[in-house]
Amino acid sequence: MDMGCVVVLLALFTLSDAASPTVNQELSDIFNELWKLDVNRMEAGSDYKISLQGKAGYIPQGSGSAVDHASSPLFSLVDEAKLSSITTYARFMKLLDNYERSTGVAEQVTTDEVTENNSFLDAILETAVMKRAHRYLINKGKSRSRLKQFKSQLYYMWFRLYHRDRNGGEDSSGFEHVFVGETKFGREIVGLHNWVQFYMQEKQDLLDYKGYKSSQLPDQDDHVLNVQFSWHGLIKPVASAFVGVSPEFEMAIFSILFLTSTEKTTTAVVNLDEYQLEMVVHRHGRSIGTAYPKLLSSNNRHI
């Protein structure tokens, strides 16, 4: 073999290595454990059905309009009776209307809402998913063993109010941003990475699904999607979310990612079930600023 061929081969190997992200095996292992423990995950095709339709086009952040490549909602069926019969979902859904949508407008938290927050945490802490996440964090020296202290830690991370917009009072929290969604400066959507909230907003005709955002058509039973949508007249060019997973699963994996790092923004590539994801968490002091999965590939299909 001449030197020219050797150089070409080395270059190809280098490009191949560069194209393959480094997988965090430890996080992959614990997240897959939690995935298997998530008995409250909904079953695609029976508990819910999605209609993917067309591929959405590129639009920049802050755009006021987008071509609609989906004439029908993303969710064609969700078994609401089943959701309401599972304690963690039922208590989760009660929290979705507790927030002021716009940043810059101070949140007013009532005693009833504090009670609802605590009831939700009590429910998820009884699940096998959160119990395993707690044990993992204890072993890593990131959480105390007493359940009351762990609950307080979760409350501060997810429900403590803070300033996202410099104007006005305390206007945001990790839970509101990730699971409920917010609008910023009246021009863009931030957050809203939860499938139950997506469905509920679609059902009320407040959210309009514009199409999927990946190079290939996703599968109907995929549990992670990249999508485009409008909400209250504003456009989210690309949003990523788990679909069908329980609220305790999302709380568990994002809490682990947040607590096992001190970086302002933490990213980790993980292999979870048939998906390769880039998990992202951004911190706001000792609370969560945002958290979401970015789908890289599904079933060995590059996105």
Protein backbone atom coordinates (compact mmCIF):
# COMPACT_ATOMS: atom_id res chain seq x y z
CA MET A 1 0.00 0.00 0.00
CA ASP A 2 1.46 3.39 -0.96
CA MET A 3 1.62 6.37 1.41
CA GLY A 4 -1.23 8.15 -0.40
CA CYS A 5 -3.63 5.33 0.43
CA VAL A 6 -2.47 5.31 4.06
CA VAL A 7 -3.10 9.05 4.38
CA VAL A 8 -6.59 8.70 2.87
CA LEU A 9 -7.46 5.82 5.21
CA LEU A 10 -6.22 7.74 8.25
CA ALA A 11 -8.27 10.74 7.20
CA LEU A 12 -11.37 8.56 6.83
CA PHE A 13 -10.87 7.02 10.26
CA THR A 14 -10.38 10.48 11.75
CA LEU A 15 -13.58 11.75 10.14
CA SER A 16 -15.45 8.67 11.31
CA ASP A 17 -14.24 9.15 14.88
CA ALA A 18 -15.13 12.85 14.79
CA ALA A 19 -18.64 12.05 13.53
CA SER A 20 -19.30 9.61 16.37
CA PRO A 21 -20.10 11.43 19.61
CA THR A 22 -18.63 10.13 22.84
CA VAL A 23 -21.32 8.26 24.74
CA ASN A 24 -21.57 8.68 28.52
CA GLN A 25 -21.85 5.01 29.44
CA GLU A 26 -22.56 5.52 33.14
CA LEU A 27 -25.51 7.80 32.45
CA SER A 28 -26.67 5.47 29.67
CA ASP A 29 -26.70 2.58 32.16
CA ILE A 30 -28.71 4.36 34.87
CA PHE A 31 -31.13 5.93 32.37
CA ASN A 32 -31.81 2.50 30.83
CA GLU A 33 -32.46 1.11 34.30
CA LEU A 34 -34.99 3.90 34.86
CA TRP A 35 -36.49 3.26 31.41
CA LYS A 36 -37.14 -0.37 32.33
CA LEU A 37 -38.65 0.68 35.67
CA ASP A 38 -41.03 3.16 34.04
CA VAL A 39 -44.18 1.06 34.29
CA ASN A 40 -46.32 4.17 33.78
CA ARG A 41 -44.97 4.79 30.28
CA MET A 42 -47.85 4.90 27.79
CA GLU A 43 -48.02 2.38 24.95
CA ALA A 44 -47.95 3.80 21.43
CA GLY A 45 -50.89 2.63 19.32
CA SER A 46 -53.14 1.78 22.25
CA ASP A 47 -52.72 4.47 24.95
CA TYR A 48 -51.96 7.17 22.39
CA LYS A 49 -51.60 7.54 18.63
CA ILE A 50 -49.63 10.16 16.72
CA SER A 51 -50.01 11.42 13.16
CA LEU A 52 -46.62 12.64 11.93
CA GLN A 53 -47.70 13.92 8.47
CA GLY A 54 -45.18 16.19 6.70
CA LYS A 55 -41.65 17.36 7.37
CA ALA A 56 -41.50 20.95 8.62
CA GLY A 57 -39.22 23.43 6.90
CA TYR A 58 -36.43 25.59 8.29
CA ILE A 59 -37.41 28.85 9.94
CA PRO A 60 -35.21 31.05 12.16
CA GLN A 61 -35.92 31.71 15.84
CA GLY A 62 -38.32 34.63 16.23
CA SER A 63 -40.18 34.00 12.96
CA GLY A 64 -43.82 35.04 12.99
CA SER A 65 -45.08 32.40 10.58
CA ALA A 66 -44.33 28.96 9.20
CA VAL A 67 -45.70 26.81 6.40
CA ASP A 68 -47.98 24.19 7.94
CA HIS A 69 -46.94 20.70 6.81
CA ALA A 70 -49.50 18.99 9.06
CA SER A 71 -53.21 19.65 8.58
CA SER A 72 -54.15 17.50 11.59
CA PRO A 73 -52.95 17.48 15.21
CA LEU A 74 -49.91 15.41 16.20
CA PHE A 75 -51.98 13.42 18.71
CA SER A 76 -54.92 11.65 17.09
CA LEU A 77 -55.69 9.73 20.30
CA VAL A 78 -54.75 9.92 23.98
CA ASP A 79 -56.42 7.73 26.60
CA GLU A 80 -57.19 10.49 29.09
CA ALA A 81 -59.07 8.11 31.36
CA LYS A 82 -55.92 6.04 31.77
CA LEU A 83 -53.79 9.15 32.38
CA SER A 84 -56.22 10.37 35.04
CA SER A 85 -56.24 6.95 36.72
CA ILE A 86 -52.46 7.04 37.33
CA THR A 87 -51.61 9.18 40.35
CA THR A 88 -48.43 10.76 39.01
CA TYR A 89 -50.09 11.86 35.75
CA ALA A 90 -53.24 13.07 37.53
CA ARG A 91 -51.25 15.23 39.95
CA PHE A 92 -48.91 16.38 37.18
CA MET A 93 -51.82 17.62 35.03
CA LYS A 94 -53.14 19.70 37.94
CA LEU A 95 -49.93 21.74 37.82
CA LEU A 96 -50.18 22.72 34.16
CA ASP A 97 -52.54 25.67 34.67
CA ASN A 98 -50.71 27.17 37.66
CA TYR A 99 -48.45 29.52 35.69
CA GLU A 100 -48.36 32.89 33.98
CA ARG A 101 -47.23 32.24 30.42
CA SER A 102 -45.19 35.43 29.79
CA THR A 103 -41.74 35.97 31.24
CA GLY A 104 -41.46 39.37 32.91
CA VAL A 105 -44.80 38.87 34.67
CA ALA A 106 -44.36 37.81 38.29
CA GLU A 107 -45.83 34.46 39.32
CA GLN A 108 -48.35 34.47 42.15
CA VAL A 109 -48.15 31.12 43.91
CA THR A 110 -51.12 30.29 46.12
CA THR A 111 -51.09 27.95 49.10
CA ASP A 112 -53.23 25.52 47.05
CA GLU A 113 -50.57 25.50 44.32
CA VAL A 114 -47.81 24.81 46.85
CA THR A 115 -49.91 21.90 48.12
CA GLU A 116 -50.31 20.61 44.54
CA ASN A 117 -46.54 20.83 43.97
CA ASN A 118 -45.87 18.85 47.13
CA SER A 119 -48.57 16.28 46.30
CA PHE A 120 -46.97 15.71 42.90
CA LEU A 121 -43.52 15.21 44.44
CA ASP A 122 -44.99 12.82 47.04
CA ALA A 123 -46.54 10.76 44.23
CA ILE A 124 -43.39 10.48 42.09
CA LEU A 125 -41.23 9.70 45.13
CA GLU A 126 -43.31 6.55 45.66
CA THR A 127 -42.47 5.20 42.19
CA ALA A 128 -39.70 2.69 41.48
CA VAL A 129 -38.19 5.17 39.00
CA MET A 130 -37.63 7.91 41.56
CA LYS A 131 -36.57 5.50 44.29
CA ARG A 132 -33.83 4.17 42.01
CA ALA A 133 -32.81 7.70 41.01
CA HIS A 134 -32.59 8.63 44.70
CA ARG A 135 -30.35 5.63 45.48
CA TYR A 136 -28.10 6.53 42.56
CA LEU A 137 -27.74 10.12 43.77
CA ILE A 138 -27.04 8.98 47.33
CA ASN A 139 -24.26 6.70 46.04
CA LYS A 140 -22.80 9.61 44.07
CA GLY A 141 -22.86 11.80 47.19
CA LYS A 142 -25.27 14.25 45.53
CA SER A 143 -28.37 13.71 47.69
CA ARG A 144 -29.12 12.92 51.34
CA SER A 145 -30.64 9.58 52.22
CA ARG A 146 -33.58 11.04 54.13
CA LEU A 147 -36.61 11.26 51.83
CA LYS A 148 -37.69 14.61 53.29
CA GLN A 149 -34.33 16.17 52.40
CA PHE A 150 -34.41 14.70 48.89
CA LYS A 151 -37.91 16.08 48.39
CA SER A 152 -36.76 19.54 49.52
CA GLN A 153 -33.84 19.33 47.09
CA LEU A 154 -36.22 18.47 44.23
CA TYR A 155 -38.61 21.26 45.19
CA TYR A 156 -35.82 23.85 45.11
CA MET A 157 -34.52 22.57 41.78
CA TRP A 158 -37.88 22.46 40.02
CA PHE A 159 -40.33 24.78 41.76
CA ARG A 160 -38.29 27.66 43.23
CA LEU A 161 -39.26 30.90 41.49
CA TYR A 162 -36.53 33.04 39.94
CA HIS A 163 -36.08 35.89 37.44
CA ARG A 164 -35.85 34.73 33.82
CA ASP A 165 -36.69 38.22 32.54
CA ARG A 166 -34.90 41.09 34.29
CA ASN A 167 -38.10 43.13 34.32
CA GLY A 168 -40.75 42.51 36.94
CA GLY A 169 -40.73 39.97 39.74
CA GLU A 170 -39.87 36.29 39.98
CA ASP A 171 -41.42 35.03 36.78
CA SER A 172 -40.21 31.48 36.13
CA SER A 173 -39.20 28.09 37.49
CA GLY A 174 -37.61 24.97 36.10
CA PHE A 175 -40.88 23.08 36.12
CA GLU A 176 -42.78 25.86 34.34
CA HIS A 177 -40.14 26.23 31.64
CA VAL A 178 -39.59 22.53 30.89
CA PHE A 179 -43.06 21.07 31.33
CA VAL A 180 -45.48 23.97 30.79
CA GLY A 181 -43.72 26.40 28.44
CA GLU A 182 -43.28 30.17 28.41
CA THR A 183 -43.26 33.06 25.95
CA LYS A 184 -40.40 35.56 25.92
CA PHE A 185 -40.78 39.24 24.96
CA GLY A 186 -44.03 38.27 23.24
CA ARG A 187 -41.93 37.04 20.30
CA GLU A 188 -40.75 33.50 20.96
CA ILE A 189 -41.63 30.27 22.73
CA VAL A 190 -39.18 28.93 25.29
CA GLY A 191 -39.38 25.53 26.94
CA LEU A 192 -42.48 23.35 26.53
CA HIS A 193 -40.79 19.98 26.20
CA ASN A 194 -43.56 17.77 27.59
CA TRP A 195 -45.88 15.56 25.57
CA VAL A 196 -48.87 15.74 27.94
CA GLN A 197 -48.84 19.55 27.89
CA PHE A 198 -48.41 19.44 24.10
CA TYR A 199 -51.51 17.26 23.80
CA MET A 200 -53.57 19.34 26.24
CA GLN A 201 -52.70 22.56 24.40
CA GLU A 202 -53.49 20.93 21.03
CA LYS A 203 -56.86 19.79 22.37
CA GLN A 204 -57.70 23.39 23.36
CA ASP A 205 -56.66 24.67 19.90
CA LEU A 206 -53.89 26.76 21.47
CA LEU A 207 -51.06 24.78 19.86
CA ASP A 208 -50.73 23.90 16.16
CA TYR A 209 -48.36 21.12 15.11
CA LYS A 210 -46.50 22.10 11.91
CA GLY A 211 -44.61 18.87 11.17
CA TYR A 212 -41.69 16.71 12.27
CA LYS A 213 -38.08 17.99 12.22
CA SER A 214 -35.78 15.14 11.21
CA SER A 215 -34.17 13.97 8.00
CA GLN A 216 -36.29 10.81 7.88
CA LEU A 217 -39.90 10.09 8.76
CA PRO A 218 -40.02 8.98 12.43
CA ASP A 219 -41.83 5.82 13.46
CA GLN A 220 -45.35 6.03 14.90
CA ASP A 221 -44.11 4.37 18.09
CA ASP A 222 -41.01 6.53 18.62
CA HIS A 223 -40.75 7.81 22.19
CA VAL A 224 -38.60 10.84 21.29
CA LEU A 225 -39.47 13.39 18.60
CA ASN A 226 -38.15 16.65 17.14
CA VAL A 227 -41.10 18.80 16.01
CA GLN A 228 -42.14 22.30 14.96
CA PHE A 229 -45.26 24.03 16.26
CA SER A 230 -46.99 27.32 16.98
CA TRP A 231 -48.41 28.22 20.39
CA HIS A 232 -50.55 31.26 21.09
CA GLY A 233 -49.57 32.58 17.67
CA LEU A 234 -45.80 32.23 18.17
CA ILE A 235 -43.54 29.72 16.40
CA LYS A 236 -41.13 27.20 17.93
CA PRO A 237 -38.80 26.30 15.00
CA VAL A 238 -37.55 23.06 16.61
CA ALA A 239 -38.64 21.45 19.84
CA SER A 240 -37.64 18.07 21.20
CA ALA A 241 -39.53 15.97 23.68
CA PHE A 242 -40.07 12.49 25.02
CA VAL A 243 -43.45 11.03 24.04
CA GLY A 244 -45.43 8.64 26.21
CA VAL A 245 -42.95 8.58 29.12
CA SER A 246 -44.15 9.26 32.64
CA PRO A 247 -43.50 12.55 34.46
CA GLU A 248 -41.46 10.69 37.08
CA PHE A 249 -39.11 9.37 34.38
CA GLU A 250 -38.39 12.85 33.05
CA MET A 251 -38.00 14.31 36.55
CA ALA A 252 -35.58 11.49 37.42
CA ILE A 253 -33.24 11.68 34.43
CA PHE A 254 -33.06 15.48 34.32
CA SER A 255 -32.50 15.66 38.09
CA ILE A 256 -29.63 13.17 37.81
CA LEU A 257 -28.03 15.10 34.95
CA PHE A 258 -28.40 18.38 36.85
CA LEU A 259 -27.10 17.12 40.21
CA THR A 260 -24.11 15.20 38.86
CA SER A 261 -22.64 18.29 37.20
CA THR A 262 -21.72 21.83 38.24
CA GLU A 263 -21.46 23.24 34.71
CA LYS A 264 -23.69 26.14 33.66
CA THR A 265 -24.81 24.02 30.72
CA THR A 266 -24.41 20.24 30.89
CA THR A 267 -24.67 18.01 27.83
CA ALA A 268 -24.28 14.25 27.68
CA VAL A 269 -24.74 11.81 24.81
CA VAL A 270 -26.56 8.69 25.97
CA ASN A 271 -27.85 5.52 24.38
CA LEU A 272 -31.38 4.99 25.70
CA ASP A 273 -33.38 2.02 24.48
CA GLU A 274 -33.19 2.35 20.66
CA TYR A 275 -32.35 6.06 20.71
CA GLN A 276 -29.15 8.04 20.83
CA LEU A 277 -29.82 11.35 22.57
CA GLU A 278 -27.94 14.44 23.56
CA MET A 279 -29.32 15.31 26.99
CA VAL A 280 -29.15 19.01 27.84
CA VAL A 281 -29.59 20.76 31.19
CA HIS A 282 -28.97 24.45 31.83
CA ARG A 283 -28.79 25.66 35.41
CA HIS A 284 -30.14 28.80 36.97
CA GLY A 285 -28.17 28.88 40.22
CA ARG A 286 -29.22 25.79 42.18
CA SER A 287 -32.37 25.41 40.10
CA ILE A 288 -33.07 24.07 36.62
CA GLY A 289 -33.19 26.65 33.83
CA THR A 290 -34.07 24.23 31.07
CA ALA A 291 -33.80 20.52 30.33
CA TYR A 292 -34.57 18.53 27.20
CA PRO A 293 -33.49 15.57 25.05
CA LYS A 294 -32.12 16.18 21.56
CA LEU A 295 -32.73 13.19 19.30
CA LEU A 296 -29.57 12.24 17.38
CA SER A 297 -30.59 8.86 15.98
CA SER A 298 -33.37 6.31 16.34
CA ASN A 299 -33.01 2.59 15.64
CA ASN A 300 -29.65 3.35 13.95
CA ARG A 301 -31.36 5.93 11.70
CA HIS A 302 -29.48 9.24 11.77
CA ILE A 303 -31.82 12.19 12.41
